[in-house]
Amino acid sequence: MKKIIFIFFLASLSFQSKAQNIEFPSSDELKITADLYVKDPGFPYVLLCHQARFSRGEYIETAPKLNKLGFNCMAIDQRSGGHANNIINETAERAKQQKKPTEYVDAEQDIRAAVDYLYKKAGKPIILVGSSYSASLVLKIANGNEKVAKVISFSPGEYIKGQSIASAATGLNKPVFVTSSKAESADVKELVKDVDEKHLTHFIPNAAGVHGSRALWKDNPNNLEYWNALLRFLKVK
């Protein structure tokens, strides 16, 4: 019965919260574009980071659902990206115009700047979410960072040139949720093997699943499986 109620509950979340479009500087003064979804200033704040070749548009469906579930959100455009759901990555466009490097590793400063911005706005530690290459970076950024309360990582991997994410995540001792497609799960398990196991939740879907945070999109046939696991981690009742 609880599962049936939850399915109908998620179905009822198919609405659009109005996002506020904002800009703030990265550490090298490149302007970062973000969509801010604030439902209630007292709610926890979630920073949403996109996958390769994507934009903040990756979260136009997910952020409103998180609003309804009791979370404020900010989805950012990192300088390494393209477009998603018909939303152009404005940060990436600016970076190209200014001839700044746009590799995955170059986007780390954008995520760090966004953590600082949202932490100041929230007045308390935030929840940090990454997808694909940014899922790797958030594990690194969260480790030892007092501005991050929890980290959620969709399909992390060793995607960052010249860096070992497994090493960077070693000893991470705050609540961590990692997931991926089923085919990626063995590699993900190896990647997070040195994260403090007391704080680690590794969700492996029963179905084939999807790469990145697209696993939460309604066009993923087993999106409810991911939502259930995520909401258990977030302790949403």
C-alpha atoms as a PDB file:
ATOM      1  CA  MET A   1       0.000   0.000   0.000  1.00  0.00           C
ATOM      2  CA  LYS A   2       2.799   2.472   0.879  1.00  0.00           C
ATOM      3  CA  LYS A   3       4.416   1.873  -2.510  1.00  0.00           C
ATOM      4  CA  ILE A   4       1.157   2.565  -4.336  1.00  0.00           C
ATOM      5  CA  ILE A   5       0.610   5.772  -2.355  1.00  0.00           C
ATOM      6  CA  PHE A   6       4.157   6.892  -3.110  1.00  0.00           C
ATOM      7  CA  ILE A   7       3.709   6.272  -6.845  1.00  0.00           C
ATOM      8  CA  PHE A   8       0.601   8.454  -6.895  1.00  0.00           C
ATOM      9  CA  PHE A   9       2.402  11.056  -4.774  1.00  0.00           C
ATOM     10  CA  LEU A  10       5.235  11.366  -7.284  1.00  0.00           C
ATOM     11  CA  ALA A  11       2.772  11.489 -10.149  1.00  0.00           C
ATOM     12  CA  SER A  12       1.144  14.473  -8.458  1.00  0.00           C
ATOM     13  CA  LEU A  13       4.428  16.386  -8.612  1.00  0.00           C
ATOM     14  CA  SER A  14       4.270  16.950 -12.361  1.00  0.00           C
ATOM     15  CA  PHE A  15       4.192  20.740 -12.138  1.00  0.00           C
ATOM     16  CA  GLN A  16       6.663  23.513 -12.881  1.00  0.00           C
ATOM     17  CA  SER A  17       8.047  25.764 -10.147  1.00  0.00           C
ATOM     18  CA  LYS A  18       9.047  29.166 -11.471  1.00  0.00           C
ATOM     19  CA  ALA A  19      12.818  29.499 -11.426  1.00  0.00           C
ATOM     20  CA  GLN A  20      14.676  32.751 -10.832  1.00  0.00           C
ATOM     21  CA  ASN A  21      17.526  33.166 -13.322  1.00  0.00           C
ATOM     22  CA  ILE A  22      20.644  34.491 -11.589  1.00  0.00           C
ATOM     23  CA  GLU A  23      24.359  35.028 -12.222  1.00  0.00           C
ATOM     24  CA  PHE A  24      27.406  35.035  -9.947  1.00  0.00           C
ATOM     25  CA  PRO A  25      31.166  34.846 -10.582  1.00  0.00           C
ATOM     26  CA  SER A  26      33.390  31.807 -10.608  1.00  0.00           C
ATOM     27  CA  SER A  27      36.853  32.089  -9.070  1.00  0.00           C
ATOM     28  CA  ASP A  28      38.281  33.443 -12.349  1.00  0.00           C
ATOM     29  CA  GLU A  29      35.402  35.961 -12.652  1.00  0.00           C
ATOM     30  CA  LEU A  30      33.594  34.026 -15.406  1.00  0.00           C
ATOM     31  CA  LYS A  31      29.871  34.586 -14.875  1.00  0.00           C
ATOM     32  CA  ILE A  32      27.960  31.434 -13.939  1.00  0.00           C
ATOM     33  CA  THR A  33      24.297  31.222 -14.925  1.00  0.00           C
ATOM     34  CA  ALA A  34      21.956  29.394 -12.562  1.00  0.00           C
ATOM     35  CA  ASP A  35      18.263  28.738 -12.000  1.00  0.00           C
ATOM     36  CA  LEU A  36      17.187  29.231  -8.402  1.00  0.00           C
ATOM     37  CA  TYR A  37      14.074  27.371  -7.239  1.00  0.00           C
ATOM     38  CA  VAL A  38      13.105  28.616  -3.768  1.00  0.00           C
ATOM     39  CA  LYS A  39       9.946  27.154  -2.255  1.00  0.00           C
ATOM     40  CA  ASP A  40      10.526  28.220   1.345  1.00  0.00           C
ATOM     41  CA  PRO A  41      13.683  29.955   2.671  1.00  0.00           C
ATOM     42  CA  GLY A  42      13.656  27.580   5.639  1.00  0.00           C
ATOM     43  CA  PHE A  43      13.936  24.450   3.491  1.00  0.00           C
ATOM     44  CA  PRO A  44      17.334  22.759   2.963  1.00  0.00           C
ATOM     45  CA  TYR A  45      19.183  23.912  -0.179  1.00  0.00           C
ATOM     46  CA  VAL A  46      20.310  21.548  -2.935  1.00  0.00           C
ATOM     47  CA  LEU A  47      22.951  22.422  -5.549  1.00  0.00           C
ATOM     48  CA  LEU A  48      22.343  20.582  -8.843  1.00  0.00           C
ATOM     49  CA  CYS A  49      25.278  20.059 -11.247  1.00  0.00           C
ATOM     50  CA  HIS A  50      24.821  18.666 -14.770  1.00  0.00           C
ATOM     51  CA  GLN A  51      26.553  16.036 -16.898  1.00  0.00           C
ATOM     52  CA  ALA A  52      28.787  16.385 -19.967  1.00  0.00           C
ATOM     53  CA  ARG A  53      27.415  18.389 -22.930  1.00  0.00           C
ATOM     54  CA  PHE A  54      24.379  19.390 -20.818  1.00  0.00           C
ATOM     55  CA  SER A  55      23.146  22.505 -19.029  1.00  0.00           C
ATOM     56  CA  ARG A  56      21.068  23.480 -16.022  1.00  0.00           C
ATOM     57  CA  GLY A  57      18.157  22.261 -18.136  1.00  0.00           C
ATOM     58  CA  GLU A  58      18.980  18.749 -16.926  1.00  0.00           C
ATOM     59  CA  TYR A  59      16.990  19.605 -13.788  1.00  0.00           C
ATOM     60  CA  ILE A  60      13.885  21.434 -15.084  1.00  0.00           C
ATOM     61  CA  GLU A  61      11.819  18.369 -14.203  1.00  0.00           C
ATOM     62  CA  THR A  62      13.706  17.275 -11.073  1.00  0.00           C
ATOM     63  CA  ALA A  63      14.048  20.612  -9.244  1.00  0.00           C
ATOM     64  CA  PRO A  64      10.282  21.325  -9.032  1.00  0.00           C
ATOM     65  CA  LYS A  65       9.717  17.837  -7.616  1.00  0.00           C
ATOM     66  CA  LEU A  66      12.388  18.450  -4.989  1.00  0.00           C
ATOM     67  CA  ASN A  67      10.677  21.777  -4.186  1.00  0.00           C
ATOM     68  CA  LYS A  68       7.433  19.953  -3.527  1.00  0.00           C
ATOM     69  CA  LEU A  69       9.266  17.453  -1.327  1.00  0.00           C
ATOM     70  CA  GLY A  70      10.679  20.208   0.904  1.00  0.00           C
ATOM     71  CA  PHE A  71      13.937  21.329  -0.732  1.00  0.00           C
ATOM     72  CA  ASN A  72      15.089  24.545  -2.357  1.00  0.00           C
ATOM     73  CA  CYS A  73      17.297  24.039  -5.408  1.00  0.00           C
ATOM     74  CA  MET A  74      19.861  25.815  -7.541  1.00  0.00           C
ATOM     75  CA  ALA A  75      20.781  24.299 -10.915  1.00  0.00           C
ATOM     76  CA  ILE A  76      23.930  25.709 -12.500  1.00  0.00           C
ATOM     77  CA  ASP A  77      25.549  25.883 -15.912  1.00  0.00           C
ATOM     78  CA  GLN A  78      29.162  24.711 -15.635  1.00  0.00           C
ATOM     79  CA  ARG A  79      31.665  25.854 -18.241  1.00  0.00           C
ATOM     80  CA  SER A  80      31.991  22.315 -19.582  1.00  0.00           C
ATOM     81  CA  GLY A  81      28.624  21.603 -21.198  1.00  0.00           C
ATOM     82  CA  GLY A  82      26.202  22.272 -24.028  1.00  0.00           C
ATOM     83  CA  HIS A  83      22.416  22.133 -23.743  1.00  0.00           C
ATOM     84  CA  ALA A  84      19.598  20.071 -22.242  1.00  0.00           C
ATOM     85  CA  ASN A  85      15.834  20.252 -22.591  1.00  0.00           C
ATOM     86  CA  ASN A  86      16.217  23.183 -25.010  1.00  0.00           C
ATOM     87  CA  ILE A  87      18.170  25.239 -22.484  1.00  0.00           C
ATOM     88  CA  ILE A  88      21.571  26.491 -23.670  1.00  0.00           C
ATOM     89  CA  ASN A  89      24.511  26.414 -21.271  1.00  0.00           C
ATOM     90  CA  GLU A  90      25.232  30.124 -20.922  1.00  0.00           C
ATOM     91  CA  THR A  91      28.326  29.656 -18.778  1.00  0.00           C
ATOM     92  CA  ALA A  92      29.894  27.422 -21.432  1.00  0.00           C
ATOM     93  CA  GLU A  93      29.032  29.956 -24.142  1.00  0.00           C
ATOM     94  CA  ARG A  94      30.743  32.737 -22.177  1.00  0.00           C
ATOM     95  CA  ALA A  95      33.790  30.567 -21.529  1.00  0.00           C
ATOM     96  CA  LYS A  96      34.178  29.912 -25.257  1.00  0.00           C
ATOM     97  CA  GLN A  97      33.776  33.604 -26.077  1.00  0.00           C
ATOM     98  CA  GLN A  98      36.438  34.481 -23.506  1.00  0.00           C
ATOM     99  CA  LYS A  99      38.677  31.636 -24.737  1.00  0.00           C
ATOM    100  CA  LYS A 100      38.755  29.958 -21.352  1.00  0.00           C
ATOM    101  CA  PRO A 101      39.412  26.202 -21.135  1.00  0.00           C
ATOM    102  CA  THR A 102      36.270  24.079 -20.869  1.00  0.00           C
ATOM    103  CA  GLU A 103      37.473  20.600 -19.932  1.00  0.00           C
ATOM    104  CA  TYR A 104      35.796  18.724 -17.079  1.00  0.00           C
ATOM    105  CA  VAL A 105      38.559  19.692 -14.684  1.00  0.00           C
ATOM    106  CA  ASP A 106      37.998  23.382 -15.461  1.00  0.00           C
ATOM    107  CA  ALA A 107      34.402  23.145 -14.216  1.00  0.00           C
ATOM    108  CA  GLU A 108      35.512  22.329 -10.668  1.00  0.00           C
ATOM    109  CA  GLN A 109      35.982  26.024  -9.868  1.00  0.00           C
ATOM    110  CA  ASP A 110      32.406  26.706 -11.009  1.00  0.00           C
ATOM    111  CA  ILE A 111      30.971  24.081  -8.666  1.00  0.00           C
ATOM    112  CA  ARG A 112      33.088  25.356  -5.778  1.00  0.00           C
ATOM    113  CA  ALA A 113      31.928  28.921  -6.434  1.00  0.00           C
ATOM    114  CA  ALA A 114      28.314  27.698  -6.508  1.00  0.00           C
ATOM    115  CA  VAL A 115      28.782  25.877  -3.181  1.00  0.00           C
ATOM    116  CA  ASP A 116      30.106  29.100  -1.647  1.00  0.00           C
ATOM    117  CA  TYR A 117      27.242  31.156  -3.108  1.00  0.00           C
ATOM    118  CA  LEU A 118      24.495  28.774  -1.992  1.00  0.00           C
ATOM    119  CA  TYR A 119      26.013  28.188   1.444  1.00  0.00           C
ATOM    120  CA  LYS A 120      26.003  31.942   2.049  1.00  0.00           C
ATOM    121  CA  LYS A 121      22.382  32.178   0.885  1.00  0.00           C
ATOM    122  CA  ALA A 122      21.246  29.181   2.936  1.00  0.00           C
ATOM    123  CA  GLY A 123      23.179  30.093   6.068  1.00  0.00           C
ATOM    124  CA  LYS A 124      23.908  26.414   6.637  1.00  0.00           C
ATOM    125  CA  PRO A 125      25.564  23.451   4.854  1.00  0.00           C
ATOM    126  CA  ILE A 126      23.950  22.378   1.593  1.00  0.00           C
ATOM    127  CA  ILE A 127      23.253  19.145  -0.273  1.00  0.00           C
ATOM    128  CA  LEU A 128      25.518  18.746  -3.320  1.00  0.00           C
ATOM    129  CA  VAL A 129      24.336  16.768  -6.370  1.00  0.00           C
ATOM    130  CA  GLY A 130      26.368  15.743  -9.407  1.00  0.00           C
ATOM    131  CA  SER A 131      25.701  13.875 -12.640  1.00  0.00           C
ATOM    132  CA  SER A 132      28.334  11.942 -14.636  1.00  0.00           C
ATOM    133  CA  TYR A 133      31.537  14.021 -14.717  1.00  0.00           C
ATOM    134  CA  SER A 134      30.165  16.428 -12.109  1.00  0.00           C
ATOM    135  CA  ALA A 135      29.204  13.384  -9.996  1.00  0.00           C
ATOM    136  CA  SER A 136      32.924  12.713  -9.756  1.00  0.00           C
ATOM    137  CA  LEU A 137      33.788  16.303  -8.920  1.00  0.00           C
ATOM    138  CA  VAL A 138      31.177  16.559  -6.148  1.00  0.00           C
ATOM    139  CA  LEU A 139      32.732  13.588  -4.325  1.00  0.00           C
ATOM    140  CA  LYS A 140      36.057  15.414  -4.332  1.00  0.00           C
ATOM    141  CA  ILE A 141      34.587  18.812  -3.424  1.00  0.00           C
ATOM    142  CA  ALA A 142      32.480  17.434  -0.564  1.00  0.00           C
ATOM    143  CA  ASN A 143      35.390  15.706   1.148  1.00  0.00           C
ATOM    144  CA  GLY A 144      36.393  17.807   4.138  1.00  0.00           C
ATOM    145  CA  ASN A 145      34.167  20.696   3.044  1.00  0.00           C
ATOM    146  CA  GLU A 146      32.153  22.060   5.982  1.00  0.00           C
ATOM    147  CA  LYS A 147      29.803  23.844   3.558  1.00  0.00           C
ATOM    148  CA  VAL A 148      28.468  20.504   2.265  1.00  0.00           C
ATOM    149  CA  ALA A 149      26.170  18.442   4.494  1.00  0.00           C
ATOM    150  CA  LYS A 150      25.402  15.569   2.106  1.00  0.00           C
ATOM    151  CA  VAL A 151      26.507  14.525  -1.360  1.00  0.00           C
ATOM    152  CA  ILE A 152      24.492  12.747  -4.078  1.00  0.00           C
ATOM    153  CA  SER A 153      26.389  11.320  -7.028  1.00  0.00           C
ATOM    154  CA  PHE A 154      24.738   9.930 -10.176  1.00  0.00           C
ATOM    155  CA  SER A 155      27.163   7.791 -12.236  1.00  0.00           C
ATOM    156  CA  PRO A 156      30.564   8.990 -11.019  1.00  0.00           C
ATOM    157  CA  GLY A 157      33.692   7.669 -12.698  1.00  0.00           C
ATOM    158  CA  GLU A 158      37.354   8.421 -13.325  1.00  0.00           C
ATOM    159  CA  TYR A 159      36.492  11.101 -15.868  1.00  0.00           C
ATOM    160  CA  ILE A 160      38.836  13.865 -14.706  1.00  0.00           C
ATOM    161  CA  LYS A 161      42.176  14.038 -16.518  1.00  0.00           C
ATOM    162  CA  GLY A 162      45.180  13.959 -14.238  1.00  0.00           C
ATOM    163  CA  GLN A 163      43.151  13.202 -11.120  1.00  0.00           C
ATOM    164  CA  SER A 164      42.104  10.115  -9.176  1.00  0.00           C
ATOM    165  CA  ILE A 165      38.589  10.601  -7.902  1.00  0.00           C
ATOM    166  CA  ALA A 166      38.852   7.409  -5.849  1.00  0.00           C
ATOM    167  CA  SER A 167      41.794   8.944  -3.999  1.00  0.00           C
ATOM    168  CA  ALA A 168      40.102  12.335  -3.684  1.00  0.00           C
ATOM    169  CA  ALA A 169      37.030  10.687  -2.104  1.00  0.00           C
ATOM    170  CA  THR A 170      39.025   8.563   0.346  1.00  0.00           C
ATOM    171  CA  GLY A 171      37.803   9.044   3.896  1.00  0.00           C
ATOM    172  CA  LEU A 172      34.707  11.021   2.875  1.00  0.00           C
ATOM    173  CA  ASN A 173      32.726  10.842   6.113  1.00  0.00           C
ATOM    174  CA  LYS A 174      29.411  12.567   5.568  1.00  0.00           C
ATOM    175  CA  PRO A 175      26.219  11.071   4.126  1.00  0.00           C
ATOM    176  CA  VAL A 176      26.917   9.942   0.545  1.00  0.00           C
ATOM    177  CA  PHE A 177      24.428   8.531  -1.954  1.00  0.00           C
ATOM    178  CA  VAL A 178      25.845   7.021  -5.154  1.00  0.00           C
ATOM    179  CA  THR A 179      23.990   5.320  -7.960  1.00  0.00           C
ATOM    180  CA  SER A 180      24.243   4.652 -11.688  1.00  0.00           C
ATOM    181  CA  SER A 181      22.930   2.326 -14.334  1.00  0.00           C
ATOM    182  CA  LYS A 182      23.187  -1.325 -13.383  1.00  0.00           C
ATOM    183  CA  ALA A 183      26.002  -1.873 -15.900  1.00  0.00           C
ATOM    184  CA  GLU A 184      28.082   0.878 -14.250  1.00  0.00           C
ATOM    185  CA  SER A 185      27.564  -0.332 -10.683  1.00  0.00           C
ATOM    186  CA  ALA A 186      30.717  -2.448 -10.370  1.00  0.00           C
ATOM    187  CA  ASP A 187      32.923   0.464 -11.440  1.00  0.00           C
ATOM    188  CA  VAL A 188      31.086   2.800  -9.067  1.00  0.00           C
ATOM    189  CA  LYS A 189      31.578   0.346  -6.200  1.00  0.00           C
ATOM    190  CA  GLU A 190      35.324   0.323  -6.870  1.00  0.00           C
ATOM    191  CA  LEU A 191      35.437   4.108  -7.101  1.00  0.00           C
ATOM    192  CA  VAL A 192      33.889   4.628  -3.642  1.00  0.00           C
ATOM    193  CA  LYS A 193      35.497   1.686  -1.863  1.00  0.00           C
ATOM    194  CA  ASP A 194      37.464   4.000   0.435  1.00  0.00           C
ATOM    195  CA  VAL A 195      34.552   6.261   1.352  1.00  0.00           C
ATOM    196  CA  ASP A 196      33.608   5.778   5.005  1.00  0.00           C
ATOM    197  CA  GLU A 197      31.173   2.853   4.755  1.00  0.00           C
ATOM    198  CA  LYS A 198      29.155   4.062   7.751  1.00  0.00           C
ATOM    199  CA  HIS A 199      28.016   7.020   5.679  1.00  0.00           C
ATOM    200  CA  LEU A 200      27.744   5.394   2.246  1.00  0.00           C
ATOM    201  CA  THR A 201      24.535   4.399   0.457  1.00  0.00           C
ATOM    202  CA  HIS A 202      25.160   2.676  -2.879  1.00  0.00           C
ATOM    203  CA  PHE A 203      21.926   2.094  -4.753  1.00  0.00           C
ATOM    204  CA  ILE A 204      21.971  -0.434  -7.615  1.00  0.00           C
ATOM    205  CA  PRO A 205      18.763  -0.550  -9.666  1.00  0.00           C
ATOM    206  CA  ASN A 206      16.997  -3.826 -10.346  1.00  0.00           C
ATOM    207  CA  ALA A 207      16.338  -2.756 -13.939  1.00  0.00           C
ATOM    208  CA  ALA A 208      18.987  -1.639 -16.439  1.00  0.00           C
ATOM    209  CA  GLY A 209      18.749   1.953 -15.274  1.00  0.00           C
ATOM    210  CA  VAL A 210      20.161   5.123 -16.808  1.00  0.00           C
ATOM    211  CA  HIS A 211      23.437   7.066 -16.730  1.00  0.00           C
ATOM    212  CA  GLY A 212      23.436  10.260 -14.693  1.00  0.00           C
ATOM    213  CA  SER A 213      20.589  12.132 -13.049  1.00  0.00           C
ATOM    214  CA  ARG A 214      18.399  11.395 -16.064  1.00  0.00           C
ATOM    215  CA  ALA A 215      17.557   8.304 -14.012  1.00  0.00           C
ATOM    216  CA  LEU A 216      15.039  10.544 -12.207  1.00  0.00           C
ATOM    217  CA  TRP A 217      13.322  11.742 -15.382  1.00  0.00           C
ATOM    218  CA  LYS A 218       9.803  10.474 -15.984  1.00  0.00           C
ATOM    219  CA  ASP A 219      10.811   9.014 -19.379  1.00  0.00           C
ATOM    220  CA  ASN A 220      13.080   6.538 -17.560  1.00  0.00           C
ATOM    221  CA  PRO A 221      10.801   3.481 -17.090  1.00  0.00           C
ATOM    222  CA  ASN A 222      12.256   2.714 -13.647  1.00  0.00           C
ATOM    223  CA  ASN A 223      12.550   6.285 -12.364  1.00  0.00           C
ATOM    224  CA  LEU A 224      10.417   5.439  -9.293  1.00  0.00           C
ATOM    225  CA  GLU A 225      13.020   2.918  -8.192  1.00  0.00           C
ATOM    226  CA  TYR A 226      15.625   5.699  -8.091  1.00  0.00           C
ATOM    227  CA  TRP A 227      13.244   8.183  -6.449  1.00  0.00           C
ATOM    228  CA  ASN A 228      12.373   5.723  -3.691  1.00  0.00           C
ATOM    229  CA  ALA A 229      16.042   5.109  -2.916  1.00  0.00           C
ATOM    230  CA  LEU A 230      16.906   8.805  -3.014  1.00  0.00           C
ATOM    231  CA  LEU A 231      14.050   9.809  -0.733  1.00  0.00           C
ATOM    232  CA  ARG A 232      14.998   7.122   1.778  1.00  0.00           C
ATOM    233  CA  PHE A 233      18.485   8.620   1.821  1.00  0.00           C
ATOM    234  CA  LEU A 234      17.082  12.128   2.264  1.00  0.00           C
ATOM    235  CA  LYS A 235      14.724  10.804   4.954  1.00  0.00           C
ATOM    236  CA  VAL A 236      11.651  12.148   3.177  1.00  0.00           C
ATOM    237  CA  LYS A 237       8.508  10.447   4.513  1.00  0.00           C
END
